[in-house]
């Protein structure tokens, strides 16, 4: 799992790319990025699978903000990003959400 930030001076948004390696993705056929930025819509931000098995998606997010998110693997399993900027307790059960700081 990798999160890359691409800042452009003078631009109020930052392009953020979320990656899941083939090792983390396993045999997944679909992975969706779900979080504050898409109102926790499980279908709004599907990640694209590359030939090498890596899943990735890029979003433009407002600078100076924090966004909670999770990965939804094959519409069944929720996964945090172990490389996230930080983590916060989820309001649902005994779990955490990943956070990207922009």
N, C-alpha and C. Protein backbone atom coordinates (compact mmCIF):
# COMPACT_ATOMS: atom_id res chain seq x y z
N UNK A 1 0.85 -1.17 0.00
CA UNK A 1 0.00 0.00 0.00
C UNK A 1 0.89 1.23 0.00
N UNK A 2 0.59 2.11 -0.89
CA UNK A 2 1.36 3.34 -1.02
C UNK A 2 0.39 4.47 -1.35
N UNK A 3 0.65 5.63 -0.76
CA UNK A 3 -0.11 6.83 -1.09
C UNK A 3 0.89 7.88 -1.53
N UNK A 4 0.70 8.42 -2.74
CA UNK A 4 1.60 9.46 -3.25
C UNK A 4 0.81 10.76 -3.42
N UNK A 5 1.42 11.85 -2.94
CA UNK A 5 0.84 13.18 -3.05
C UNK A 5 1.59 13.96 -4.12
N UNK A 6 0.86 14.59 -5.02
CA UNK A 6 1.45 15.43 -6.07
C UNK A 6 0.90 16.84 -5.92
N UNK A 7 1.73 17.74 -5.35
CA UNK A 7 1.32 19.12 -5.11
C UNK A 7 1.72 19.99 -6.30
N UNK A 8 0.85 20.91 -6.65
CA UNK A 8 1.11 21.90 -7.69
C UNK A 8 0.91 23.27 -7.05
N UNK A 9 1.99 24.04 -6.94
CA UNK A 9 1.89 25.35 -6.30
C UNK A 9 0.82 26.20 -6.95
N UNK A 10 0.05 26.85 -6.12
CA UNK A 10 -1.01 27.71 -6.63
C UNK A 10 -2.32 26.99 -6.88
N UNK A 11 -2.30 25.67 -6.87
CA UNK A 11 -3.51 24.89 -7.09
C UNK A 11 -4.12 24.53 -5.74
N UNK A 12 -5.42 24.75 -5.54
CA UNK A 12 -6.05 24.46 -4.24
C UNK A 12 -6.27 22.98 -3.98
N UNK A 13 -5.95 22.14 -4.94
CA UNK A 13 -6.12 20.70 -4.75
C UNK A 13 -4.77 19.98 -4.92
N UNK A 14 -4.72 18.80 -4.37
CA UNK A 14 -3.54 17.93 -4.48
C UNK A 14 -4.00 16.65 -5.15
N UNK A 15 -3.23 16.19 -6.13
CA UNK A 15 -3.53 14.91 -6.75
C UNK A 15 -2.93 13.81 -5.87
N UNK A 16 -3.78 12.92 -5.38
CA UNK A 16 -3.36 11.85 -4.49
C UNK A 16 -3.63 10.52 -5.18
N UNK A 17 -2.59 9.69 -5.27
CA UNK A 17 -2.74 8.37 -5.88
C UNK A 17 -2.60 7.30 -4.81
N UNK A 18 -3.57 6.40 -4.79
CA UNK A 18 -3.61 5.29 -3.85
C UNK A 18 -3.24 4.02 -4.62
N UNK A 19 -2.28 3.27 -4.10
CA UNK A 19 -1.82 2.04 -4.74
C UNK A 19 -1.96 0.86 -3.78
N UNK A 20 -2.35 -0.29 -4.30
CA UNK A 20 -2.29 -1.55 -3.57
C UNK A 20 -1.46 -2.51 -4.40
N UNK A 21 -0.42 -3.04 -3.80
CA UNK A 21 0.46 -3.97 -4.50
C UNK A 21 -0.25 -5.30 -4.74
N UNK A 22 0.28 -6.09 -5.66
CA UNK A 22 -0.30 -7.42 -5.89
C UNK A 22 -0.29 -8.27 -4.63
N UNK A 23 0.71 -8.10 -3.78
CA UNK A 23 0.78 -8.85 -2.53
C UNK A 23 -0.40 -8.50 -1.63
N UNK A 24 -0.71 -7.21 -1.51
CA UNK A 24 -1.82 -6.78 -0.67
C UNK A 24 -3.16 -7.07 -1.32
N UNK A 25 -3.23 -6.97 -2.63
CA UNK A 25 -4.50 -7.19 -3.32
C UNK A 25 -4.86 -8.68 -3.39
N UNK A 26 -3.84 -9.53 -3.35
CA UNK A 26 -4.09 -10.96 -3.42
C UNK A 26 -4.78 -11.33 -4.72
N UNK A 27 -5.82 -12.12 -4.60
CA UNK A 27 -6.55 -12.58 -5.78
C UNK A 27 -7.79 -11.73 -6.06
N UNK A 28 -7.81 -10.53 -5.53
CA UNK A 28 -8.97 -9.66 -5.71
C UNK A 28 -9.23 -9.37 -7.18
N UNK A 29 -10.51 -9.35 -7.52
CA UNK A 29 -10.88 -8.98 -8.88
C UNK A 29 -11.38 -7.54 -8.92
N UNK A 30 -11.75 -7.00 -7.75
CA UNK A 30 -12.24 -5.62 -7.68
C UNK A 30 -11.86 -5.03 -6.34
N UNK A 31 -11.38 -3.79 -6.37
CA UNK A 31 -11.11 -3.05 -5.14
C UNK A 31 -11.65 -1.64 -5.33
N UNK A 32 -12.41 -1.19 -4.34
CA UNK A 32 -12.98 0.16 -4.37
C UNK A 32 -12.37 0.97 -3.23
N UNK A 33 -12.06 2.23 -3.52
CA UNK A 33 -11.60 3.17 -2.51
C UNK A 33 -12.83 3.90 -1.99
N UNK A 34 -13.07 3.81 -0.69
CA UNK A 34 -14.29 4.34 -0.10
C UNK A 34 -13.92 5.26 1.06
N UNK A 35 -14.49 6.47 1.08
CA UNK A 35 -14.15 7.38 2.17
C UNK A 35 -14.95 8.67 2.17
N UNK A 36 -14.46 9.60 2.99
CA UNK A 36 -15.11 10.91 3.11
C UNK A 36 -15.26 11.60 1.77
N UNK A 37 -14.27 11.46 0.90
CA UNK A 37 -14.23 12.17 -0.38
C UNK A 37 -15.30 11.72 -1.34
N UNK A 38 -15.91 10.55 -1.12
CA UNK A 38 -16.99 10.10 -1.99
C UNK A 38 -18.24 9.72 -1.19
N UNK A 39 -18.34 10.33 0.01
CA UNK A 39 -19.51 10.11 0.88
C UNK A 39 -19.71 8.64 1.22
N UNK A 40 -18.59 7.91 1.32
CA UNK A 40 -18.58 6.48 1.67
C UNK A 40 -19.42 5.65 0.70
N UNK A 41 -19.44 6.07 -0.55
CA UNK A 41 -20.16 5.34 -1.61
C UNK A 41 -19.27 4.18 -2.07
N UNK A 42 -19.73 2.98 -1.90
CA UNK A 42 -18.92 1.78 -2.20
C UNK A 42 -18.70 1.54 -3.69
N UNK A 43 -19.37 2.29 -4.55
CA UNK A 43 -19.21 2.09 -5.99
C UNK A 43 -18.64 3.30 -6.71
N UNK A 44 -18.40 4.40 -5.99
CA UNK A 44 -18.03 5.66 -6.64
C UNK A 44 -16.59 5.70 -7.13
N UNK A 45 -15.67 4.96 -6.48
CA UNK A 45 -14.26 5.08 -6.82
C UNK A 45 -13.59 3.72 -6.96
N UNK A 46 -13.89 3.01 -8.05
CA UNK A 46 -13.22 1.73 -8.27
C UNK A 46 -11.75 1.96 -8.65
N UNK A 47 -10.91 1.08 -8.17
CA UNK A 47 -9.48 1.16 -8.51
C UNK A 47 -9.25 0.34 -9.78
N UNK A 48 -8.26 0.77 -10.57
CA UNK A 48 -7.95 0.06 -11.81
C UNK A 48 -6.81 -0.92 -11.57
N UNK A 49 -6.96 -2.10 -12.13
CA UNK A 49 -5.94 -3.13 -11.98
C UNK A 49 -4.99 -3.11 -13.17
N UNK A 50 -3.71 -2.97 -12.88
CA UNK A 50 -2.67 -2.98 -13.92
C UNK A 50 -2.30 -4.43 -14.25
N UNK A 51 -1.58 -4.60 -15.35
CA UNK A 51 -1.17 -5.94 -15.78
C UNK A 51 -0.33 -6.65 -14.73
N UNK A 52 0.43 -5.89 -13.93
CA UNK A 52 1.28 -6.51 -12.91
C UNK A 52 0.51 -6.86 -11.64
N UNK A 53 -0.80 -6.57 -11.59
CA UNK A 53 -1.63 -6.91 -10.44
C UNK A 53 -1.80 -5.78 -9.44
N UNK A 54 -1.14 -4.66 -9.67
CA UNK A 54 -1.29 -3.50 -8.79
C UNK A 54 -2.62 -2.80 -9.08
N UNK A 55 -3.30 -2.40 -8.02
CA UNK A 55 -4.51 -1.60 -8.15
C UNK A 55 -4.16 -0.15 -7.82
N UNK A 56 -4.74 0.81 -8.55
CA UNK A 56 -4.46 2.22 -8.31
C UNK A 56 -5.64 3.09 -8.71
N UNK A 57 -5.71 4.25 -8.06
CA UNK A 57 -6.68 5.27 -8.43
C UNK A 57 -6.14 6.62 -7.95
N UNK A 58 -6.41 7.67 -8.73
CA UNK A 58 -5.97 9.02 -8.36
C UNK A 58 -7.18 9.92 -8.15
N UNK A 59 -7.08 10.79 -7.15
CA UNK A 59 -8.14 11.74 -6.84
C UNK A 59 -7.53 13.11 -6.62
N UNK A 60 -8.28 14.15 -6.96
CA UNK A 60 -7.90 15.51 -6.61
C UNK A 60 -8.62 15.86 -5.31
N UNK A 61 -7.83 16.11 -4.26
CA UNK A 61 -8.39 16.39 -2.94
C UNK A 61 -7.96 17.78 -2.49
N UNK A 62 -8.84 18.47 -1.79
CA UNK A 62 -8.56 19.83 -1.32
C UNK A 62 -7.40 19.85 -0.35
N UNK A 63 -6.47 20.78 -0.57
CA UNK A 63 -5.33 20.93 0.34
C UNK A 63 -5.80 21.41 1.70
N UNK A 64 -5.04 21.06 2.73
CA UNK A 64 -5.36 21.48 4.08
C UNK A 64 -6.47 20.68 4.73
N UNK A 65 -6.74 19.49 4.19
CA UNK A 65 -7.82 18.66 4.71
C UNK A 65 -7.31 17.27 5.04
N UNK A 66 -8.10 16.55 5.82
CA UNK A 66 -7.85 15.15 6.13
C UNK A 66 -9.05 14.35 5.69
N UNK A 67 -8.80 13.17 5.14
CA UNK A 67 -9.87 12.33 4.63
C UNK A 67 -9.72 10.92 5.19
N UNK A 68 -10.80 10.41 5.77
CA UNK A 68 -10.82 9.02 6.23
C UNK A 68 -11.19 8.13 5.05
N UNK A 69 -10.62 6.92 5.02
CA UNK A 69 -10.92 6.01 3.93
C UNK A 69 -10.60 4.57 4.30
N UNK A 70 -11.13 3.66 3.51
CA UNK A 70 -10.85 2.22 3.58
C UNK A 70 -10.88 1.66 2.17
N UNK A 71 -10.31 0.49 2.01
CA UNK A 71 -10.41 -0.26 0.75
C UNK A 71 -11.47 -1.33 0.94
N UNK A 72 -12.33 -1.49 -0.06
CA UNK A 72 -13.33 -2.56 -0.06
C UNK A 72 -12.91 -3.57 -1.12
N UNK A 73 -12.53 -4.74 -0.67
CA UNK A 73 -11.99 -5.77 -1.56
C UNK A 73 -13.09 -6.76 -1.93
N UNK A 74 -13.31 -6.88 -3.23
CA UNK A 74 -14.33 -7.78 -3.78
C UNK A 74 -15.68 -7.64 -3.09
N UNK A 75 -16.00 -6.41 -2.71
CA UNK A 75 -17.29 -6.07 -2.10
C UNK A 75 -17.58 -6.84 -0.81
N UNK A 76 -16.54 -7.40 -0.19
CA UNK A 76 -16.75 -8.22 0.99
C UNK A 76 -15.88 -7.84 2.17
N UNK A 77 -14.64 -7.47 1.92
CA UNK A 77 -13.66 -7.29 2.99
C UNK A 77 -13.16 -5.86 3.04
N UNK A 78 -13.28 -5.24 4.22
CA UNK A 78 -12.76 -3.89 4.43
C UNK A 78 -11.33 -3.97 4.90
N UNK A 79 -10.46 -3.11 4.34
CA UNK A 79 -9.04 -3.15 4.69
C UNK A 79 -8.52 -1.72 4.89
N UNK A 80 -7.72 -1.53 5.94
CA UNK A 80 -7.06 -0.24 6.15
C UNK A 80 -5.83 -0.18 5.26
N UNK A 81 -5.27 1.02 5.15
CA UNK A 81 -4.00 1.21 4.44
C UNK A 81 -2.92 1.36 5.50
N UNK A 82 -2.07 0.37 5.63
CA UNK A 82 -1.05 0.36 6.68
C UNK A 82 -0.01 1.48 6.51
N UNK A 83 0.01 2.12 5.35
CA UNK A 83 0.93 3.22 5.09
C UNK A 83 0.23 4.58 5.16
N UNK A 84 -0.99 4.62 5.70
CA UNK A 84 -1.74 5.87 5.80
C UNK A 84 -1.00 6.88 6.67
N UNK A 85 -1.37 8.14 6.51
CA UNK A 85 -0.73 9.20 7.29
C UNK A 85 -1.05 9.08 8.77
N UNK A 86 -2.25 8.60 9.08
CA UNK A 86 -2.63 8.34 10.46
C UNK A 86 -3.90 7.49 10.46
N UNK A 87 -4.38 7.17 11.65
CA UNK A 87 -5.57 6.32 11.79
C UNK A 87 -6.49 6.93 12.85
N UNK A 88 -7.80 6.74 12.66
CA UNK A 88 -8.78 7.20 13.65
C UNK A 88 -9.76 6.07 13.91
N UNK A 89 -10.30 6.07 15.11
CA UNK A 89 -11.27 5.04 15.47
C UNK A 89 -12.53 5.20 14.64
N UNK A 90 -12.99 4.11 14.10
CA UNK A 90 -14.23 4.10 13.33
C UNK A 90 -15.43 4.19 14.28
N UNK A 91 -16.49 4.87 13.87
CA UNK A 91 -17.69 4.89 14.71
C UNK A 91 -18.45 3.57 14.68
N UNK A 92 -17.99 2.64 13.83
CA UNK A 92 -18.67 1.35 13.69
C UNK A 92 -17.80 0.23 14.22
N UNK A 93 -18.11 -0.26 15.37
CA UNK A 93 -17.38 -1.39 15.92
C UNK A 93 -16.01 -1.02 16.45
N UNK A 94 -15.20 -2.04 16.63
CA UNK A 94 -13.87 -1.89 17.20
C UNK A 94 -12.84 -1.93 16.07
N UNK A 95 -12.83 -0.88 15.25
CA UNK A 95 -11.92 -0.85 14.11
C UNK A 95 -11.44 0.58 13.88
N UNK A 96 -10.52 0.72 12.94
CA UNK A 96 -9.98 2.03 12.61
C UNK A 96 -10.19 2.33 11.14
N UNK A 97 -10.18 3.63 10.82
CA UNK A 97 -10.17 4.09 9.45
C UNK A 97 -8.79 4.66 9.15
N UNK A 98 -8.34 4.50 7.94
CA UNK A 98 -7.11 5.13 7.47
C UNK A 98 -7.40 6.60 7.22
N UNK A 99 -6.36 7.44 7.32
CA UNK A 99 -6.51 8.86 7.07
C UNK A 99 -5.38 9.32 6.15
N UNK A 100 -5.73 10.08 5.11
CA UNK A 100 -4.74 10.73 4.27
C UNK A 100 -4.83 12.22 4.58
N UNK A 101 -3.67 12.83 4.83
CA UNK A 101 -3.58 14.25 5.13
C UNK A 101 -3.05 14.96 3.89
N UNK A 102 -3.80 15.94 3.41
CA UNK A 102 -3.44 16.64 2.18
C UNK A 102 -3.05 18.08 2.50
